Amino acid sequence: MTADNPKPSTVAQALAAAVALGVDRLDAQLLLLHALGRATHDRAWLLAHDTDAMPDAAWSALSAQLSRRLAGEPVAYLLGEKEFHGLDLRVDARVLVPRPDTETLVEWALECLEGHAAPRVLDLGTGSGAIALALQHARSDARVDAVDANADALAVAQANAQRLGLPVRFAHANWLDGADSGYMVIASNPPYIAAGDPHLPALRHEPVAALVAGTDGLDDIRQIVQNASAHLAQGGWLLLEHGHDQAAAVRQLLAERGFAEVQSRDDLAGIQRCSGGIWRTVK
């Protein structure tokens, strides 16, 4: 702060200063709570304590975080955590930030598991472990496996599983390489952004290998669709998250490979965000 803009003396002034810098108000509230050592879900505390003194150390910490946020760094990395499907996950720059849209995939997978005792599930490209951990949390009887080709990402996922006490089994592998068979659901949120996509600069703080998949963004999805049937149980589902404009293309890939009941599901914004199909072999 300059002489014209002295250090905020209260919590309310600190929040106002953060917003004045151009930081989104919700982001500013979360970062302020974090700097004050408060739980980030306790925004009501800010209203009840808006006249509390703003400690110098907390303002220094907040100022540093605000600078990083203004440079485009995701709030989840600054906080070191992200809520997903009711779970508090630890995240950092080794993994993508879990998005609320991906909960669409989790809910669909849970529907597909209904009526099946002790089902087997595989999460491909698990990243922070969000999908696998959410499914294991919701279905304690399920045997959930998760793989990732990136050892650093696997370390994040394994730490989340250990902290949450969820018995997901993790493996270091590229998609379905070495995977078992007999899964009732194979779910994946793979890279699906096209190389050269104009939105990529806004995601520059997140791992590019978890974002980009060839010139049209479908390279990894093609590979998964081609190989998944060998690892699915009879009547098992393959469920894939994809880009906002890729639903028709992914449905076509699934249908051409021989999947049945091919369909898409909308995310919270009403956009077709996930597509999938069921595998039935002819006997």
Protein backbone atom coordinates (compact mmCIF):
# COMPACT_ATOMS: atom_id res chain seq x y z
CA MET A 1 0.00 0.00 0.00
CA THR A 2 1.15 3.56 -0.66
CA ALA A 3 0.95 6.66 1.56
CA ASP A 4 -2.29 7.49 -0.22
CA ASN A 5 -3.55 3.97 0.49
CA PRO A 6 -2.39 3.04 4.01
CA LYS A 7 -2.43 -0.49 5.34
CA PRO A 8 -5.99 -1.53 6.19
CA SER A 9 -6.65 -1.37 9.89
CA THR A 10 -9.71 -3.62 9.96
CA VAL A 11 -10.89 -6.86 8.37
CA ALA A 12 -13.54 -4.98 6.37
CA GLN A 13 -10.95 -2.52 5.04
CA ALA A 14 -8.68 -5.37 4.01
CA LEU A 15 -11.50 -6.99 2.04
CA ALA A 16 -12.36 -3.67 0.38
CA ALA A 17 -8.70 -3.14 -0.53
CA ALA A 18 -8.49 -6.59 -2.12
CA VAL A 19 -11.61 -5.99 -4.21
CA ALA A 20 -10.34 -2.54 -5.21
CA LEU A 21 -7.24 -4.22 -6.66
CA GLY A 22 -9.51 -6.13 -9.05
CA VAL A 23 -9.78 -9.46 -7.26
CA ASP A 24 -13.20 -11.15 -7.41
CA ARG A 25 -15.04 -10.60 -4.12
CA LEU A 26 -15.51 -14.29 -3.36
CA ASP A 27 -11.86 -14.98 -4.10
CA ALA A 28 -10.88 -12.06 -1.87
CA GLN A 29 -13.02 -13.39 0.97
CA LEU A 30 -11.46 -16.85 0.73
CA LEU A 31 -7.93 -15.47 0.62
CA LEU A 32 -8.64 -13.13 3.53
CA LEU A 33 -9.99 -15.97 5.66
CA HIS A 34 -6.92 -18.04 4.79
CA ALA A 35 -4.57 -15.20 5.74
CA LEU A 36 -6.37 -14.84 9.06
CA GLY A 37 -6.10 -18.55 9.78
CA ARG A 38 -9.84 -19.10 9.47
CA ALA A 39 -11.66 -21.90 7.64
CA THR A 40 -12.44 -20.83 4.08
CA HIS A 41 -16.08 -21.94 4.38
CA ASP A 42 -16.64 -19.51 7.26
CA ARG A 43 -17.48 -16.40 5.25
CA ALA A 44 -20.13 -15.45 7.82
CA TRP A 45 -17.22 -14.85 10.22
CA LEU A 46 -16.09 -11.92 8.08
CA LEU A 47 -19.42 -10.17 8.57
CA ALA A 48 -19.43 -10.76 12.30
CA HIS A 49 -15.84 -9.56 12.69
CA ASP A 50 -15.60 -6.85 10.05
CA THR A 51 -14.39 -4.29 12.61
CA ASP A 52 -11.69 -6.57 14.04
CA ALA A 53 -8.14 -5.31 13.68
CA MET A 54 -6.24 -6.56 10.65
CA PRO A 55 -2.91 -7.94 11.90
CA ASP A 56 0.20 -6.76 10.05
CA ALA A 57 1.37 -10.31 9.40
CA ALA A 58 -2.02 -11.31 7.98
CA TRP A 59 -2.06 -8.29 5.66
CA SER A 60 1.44 -9.09 4.43
CA ALA A 61 0.40 -12.66 3.71
CA LEU A 62 -2.79 -11.53 1.99
CA SER A 63 -0.95 -8.97 -0.14
CA ALA A 64 1.38 -11.67 -1.47
CA GLN A 65 -1.55 -13.93 -2.28
CA LEU A 66 -3.46 -11.14 -4.00
CA SER A 67 -0.48 -10.46 -6.27
CA ARG A 68 -0.36 -14.09 -7.28
CA ARG A 69 -4.11 -14.18 -7.88
CA LEU A 70 -3.94 -11.08 -10.07
CA ALA A 71 -1.24 -12.87 -12.08
CA GLY A 72 -3.76 -15.60 -12.83
CA GLU A 73 -2.85 -18.27 -10.31
CA PRO A 74 -5.92 -20.31 -9.30
CA VAL A 75 -7.35 -19.62 -5.85
CA ALA A 76 -7.26 -23.35 -5.09
CA TYR A 77 -3.47 -23.36 -5.46
CA LEU A 78 -3.15 -20.34 -3.19
CA LEU A 79 -5.35 -21.96 -0.54
CA GLY A 80 -3.90 -25.42 -1.11
CA GLU A 81 -7.37 -26.94 -1.14
CA LYS A 82 -10.54 -27.37 -3.17
CA GLU A 83 -13.94 -28.77 -2.22
CA PHE A 84 -15.29 -31.44 -4.58
CA HIS A 85 -18.44 -33.50 -4.11
CA GLY A 86 -18.37 -32.82 -0.37
CA LEU A 87 -14.70 -33.71 0.06
CA ASP A 88 -11.94 -31.27 0.97
CA LEU A 89 -9.07 -32.10 -1.38
CA ARG A 90 -5.51 -30.83 -1.15
CA VAL A 91 -4.34 -29.47 -4.51
CA ASP A 92 -1.30 -27.74 -5.93
CA ALA A 93 0.30 -27.03 -9.29
CA ARG A 94 1.02 -30.75 -9.86
CA VAL A 95 -2.67 -31.36 -10.64
CA LEU A 96 -5.62 -29.68 -12.29
CA VAL A 97 -8.02 -27.87 -10.00
CA PRO A 98 -11.18 -30.04 -9.68
CA ARG A 99 -14.13 -28.30 -11.35
CA PRO A 100 -17.77 -28.42 -10.25
CA ASP A 101 -18.65 -29.57 -13.80
CA THR A 102 -16.88 -32.86 -13.12
CA GLU A 103 -19.43 -33.66 -10.41
CA THR A 104 -21.76 -34.40 -13.35
CA LEU A 105 -19.51 -37.34 -14.21
CA VAL A 106 -19.49 -38.56 -10.60
CA GLU A 107 -23.28 -38.41 -10.31
CA TRP A 108 -23.71 -40.32 -13.58
CA ALA A 109 -21.23 -42.97 -12.47
CA LEU A 110 -23.11 -43.42 -9.19
CA GLU A 111 -26.34 -43.93 -11.15
CA CYS A 112 -24.65 -46.62 -13.24
CA LEU A 113 -23.51 -48.40 -10.07
CA GLU A 114 -26.98 -48.54 -8.51
CA GLY A 115 -28.17 -52.08 -7.93
CA HIS A 116 -24.67 -53.56 -8.17
CA ALA A 117 -23.10 -54.96 -5.00
CA ALA A 118 -19.37 -54.33 -4.51
CA PRO A 119 -18.90 -52.94 -8.04
CA ARG A 120 -15.50 -52.39 -9.57
CA VAL A 121 -14.68 -48.89 -10.82
CA LEU A 122 -11.70 -47.44 -12.68
CA ASP A 123 -10.79 -43.73 -12.83
CA LEU A 124 -8.41 -42.90 -15.67
CA GLY A 125 -6.11 -39.88 -15.29
CA THR A 126 -7.06 -39.37 -11.67
CA GLY A 127 -5.07 -36.17 -11.03
CA SER A 128 -5.93 -35.04 -7.49
CA GLY A 129 -8.02 -38.19 -7.08
CA ALA A 130 -11.26 -36.22 -7.14
CA ILE A 131 -13.43 -38.65 -9.14
CA ALA A 132 -12.10 -41.84 -7.56
CA LEU A 133 -12.31 -40.48 -4.02
CA ALA A 134 -15.81 -39.09 -4.51
CA LEU A 135 -17.01 -42.46 -5.82
CA GLN A 136 -15.31 -44.37 -3.02
CA HIS A 137 -16.78 -42.01 -0.43
CA ALA A 138 -20.29 -42.45 -1.85
CA ARG A 139 -19.96 -46.22 -2.34
CA SER A 140 -17.89 -47.68 0.47
CA ASP A 141 -18.56 -51.19 -0.89
CA ALA A 142 -17.01 -50.41 -4.27
CA ARG A 143 -13.51 -51.42 -5.27
CA VAL A 144 -12.16 -48.26 -6.86
CA ASP A 145 -8.93 -48.23 -8.85
CA ALA A 146 -7.31 -45.06 -10.18
CA VAL A 147 -4.40 -44.51 -12.55
CA ASP A 148 -2.33 -41.60 -13.74
CA ALA A 149 0.70 -41.40 -16.01
CA ASN A 150 2.15 -38.57 -13.92
CA ALA A 151 3.90 -39.68 -10.73
CA ASP A 152 3.62 -36.22 -9.18
CA ALA A 153 -0.15 -36.21 -9.67
CA LEU A 154 -0.38 -39.70 -8.16
CA ALA A 155 1.44 -38.47 -5.07
CA VAL A 156 -1.22 -35.77 -4.60
CA ALA A 157 -4.05 -38.28 -5.08
CA GLN A 158 -2.52 -40.82 -2.70
CA ALA A 159 -2.03 -38.17 -0.03
CA ASN A 160 -5.67 -37.13 -0.38
CA ALA A 161 -6.83 -40.73 -0.07
CA GLN A 162 -4.71 -41.30 3.03
CA ARG A 163 -5.88 -38.10 4.70
CA LEU A 164 -9.54 -38.88 3.95
CA GLY A 165 -9.22 -42.55 4.91
CA LEU A 166 -10.53 -43.82 1.57
CA PRO A 167 -9.12 -47.13 0.27
CA VAL A 168 -8.75 -46.27 -3.43
CA ARG A 169 -6.02 -48.32 -5.10
CA PHE A 170 -3.65 -46.25 -7.23
CA ALA A 171 -1.36 -47.27 -10.08
CA HIS A 172 1.17 -45.45 -12.26
CA ALA A 173 0.06 -46.14 -15.83
CA ASN A 174 -0.82 -44.53 -19.14
CA TRP A 175 -4.59 -44.83 -19.52
CA LEU A 176 -5.54 -48.53 -19.77
CA ASP A 177 -2.03 -49.98 -20.02
CA GLY A 178 -1.92 -52.99 -17.71
CA ALA A 179 -5.45 -52.39 -16.42
CA ASP A 180 -7.57 -55.21 -15.03
CA SER A 181 -10.91 -56.27 -16.53
CA GLY A 182 -14.45 -56.55 -15.24
CA TYR A 183 -15.14 -52.92 -14.36
CA MET A 184 -18.77 -51.85 -14.07
CA VAL A 185 -17.75 -48.23 -14.69
CA ILE A 186 -14.68 -46.72 -16.31
CA ALA A 187 -14.76 -42.96 -15.82
CA SER A 188 -12.34 -40.34 -17.03
CA ASN A 189 -11.83 -36.61 -17.20
CA PRO A 190 -8.99 -36.73 -19.73
CA PRO A 191 -7.23 -33.86 -21.49
CA TYR A 192 -9.60 -32.52 -24.14
CA ILE A 193 -8.41 -29.05 -25.11
CA ALA A 194 -7.07 -28.60 -28.64
CA ALA A 195 -3.51 -27.43 -29.09
CA GLY A 196 -3.60 -23.73 -29.85
CA ASP A 197 -6.97 -23.18 -28.16
CA PRO A 198 -7.32 -19.47 -27.29
CA HIS A 199 -8.37 -20.32 -23.73
CA LEU A 200 -5.06 -22.01 -22.90
CA PRO A 201 -3.23 -18.84 -21.76
CA ALA A 202 -5.79 -18.42 -18.98
CA LEU A 203 -4.86 -21.92 -17.76
CA ARG A 204 -1.10 -21.37 -17.87
CA HIS A 205 -0.63 -22.12 -14.17
CA GLU A 206 -2.12 -25.63 -14.51
CA PRO A 207 -0.23 -28.65 -15.95
CA VAL A 208 -0.51 -28.50 -19.75
CA ALA A 209 -0.20 -32.29 -20.12
CA ALA A 210 -3.49 -32.63 -18.24
CA LEU A 211 -5.21 -30.17 -20.57
CA VAL A 212 -4.14 -30.62 -24.21
CA ALA A 213 -4.82 -33.67 -26.42
CA GLY A 214 -3.80 -33.11 -30.02
CA THR A 215 -5.01 -30.77 -32.71
CA ASP A 216 -8.72 -31.33 -32.01
CA GLY A 217 -8.49 -32.20 -28.30
CA LEU A 218 -9.78 -35.76 -28.83
CA ASP A 219 -6.58 -37.82 -29.07
CA ASP A 220 -6.79 -39.26 -25.55
CA ILE A 221 -10.54 -39.82 -25.74
CA ARG A 222 -10.07 -41.77 -28.99
CA GLN A 223 -7.51 -44.00 -27.29
CA ILE A 224 -9.73 -44.64 -24.27
CA VAL A 225 -12.82 -45.38 -26.38
CA GLN A 226 -10.87 -47.78 -28.58
CA ASN A 227 -9.43 -49.81 -25.70
CA ALA A 228 -11.98 -49.61 -22.87
CA SER A 229 -14.21 -52.50 -23.93
CA ALA A 230 -11.55 -55.09 -23.03
CA HIS A 231 -11.64 -53.86 -19.44
CA LEU A 232 -15.39 -53.45 -18.93
CA ALA A 233 -17.75 -56.02 -17.47
CA GLN A 234 -20.68 -57.12 -19.58
CA GLY A 235 -23.09 -54.19 -19.26
CA GLY A 236 -20.38 -51.88 -17.96
CA TRP A 237 -20.33 -48.17 -18.72
CA LEU A 238 -17.62 -45.92 -20.16
CA LEU A 239 -18.18 -42.31 -19.06
CA LEU A 240 -16.09 -39.42 -20.38
CA GLU A 241 -15.93 -35.72 -19.61
CA HIS A 242 -15.19 -33.52 -22.62
CA GLY A 243 -15.26 -29.97 -23.94
CA HIS A 244 -18.36 -27.84 -24.31
CA ASP A 245 -18.53 -28.43 -28.08
CA GLN A 246 -17.33 -32.05 -28.28
CA ALA A 247 -20.41 -34.05 -27.24
CA ALA A 248 -21.49 -35.01 -30.77
CA ALA A 249 -17.97 -36.06 -31.75
CA VAL A 250 -17.52 -38.18 -28.60
CA ARG A 251 -20.92 -39.84 -29.06
CA GLN A 252 -19.92 -40.70 -32.62
CA LEU A 253 -16.67 -42.28 -31.42
CA LEU A 254 -18.57 -44.36 -28.86
CA ALA A 255 -21.22 -45.49 -31.34
CA GLU A 256 -18.66 -46.39 -34.01
CA ARG A 257 -16.76 -48.50 -31.46
CA GLY A 258 -19.94 -50.45 -30.70
CA PHE A 259 -21.17 -48.93 -27.45
CA ALA A 260 -24.94 -48.94 -26.87
CA GLU A 261 -27.28 -46.43 -25.22
CA VAL A 262 -24.82 -43.68 -26.16
CA GLN A 263 -25.88 -40.40 -24.57
CA SER A 264 -24.65 -37.14 -23.05
CA ARG A 265 -25.28 -35.39 -19.73
CA ASP A 266 -25.48 -31.66 -19.03
CA ASP A 267 -23.36 -29.83 -16.48
CA LEU A 268 -24.67 -27.19 -14.06
CA ALA A 269 -24.71 -24.62 -16.87
CA GLY A 270 -26.82 -26.83 -19.15
CA ILE A 271 -23.87 -27.69 -21.41
CA GLN A 272 -23.37 -31.26 -22.63
CA ARG A 273 -20.27 -31.99 -20.56
CA CYS A 274 -20.11 -35.80 -20.38
CA SER A 275 -20.84 -38.60 -22.83
CA GLY A 276 -20.91 -42.34 -22.38
CA GLY A 277 -22.22 -45.69 -23.42
CA ILE A 278 -22.73 -49.25 -22.22
CA TRP A 279 -20.74 -52.24 -23.46
CA ARG A 280 -22.70 -55.35 -24.35
CA THR A 281 -20.99 -58.18 -26.15
CA VAL A 282 -22.99 -60.44 -28.43
CA LYS A 283 -23.06 -64.05 -27.28
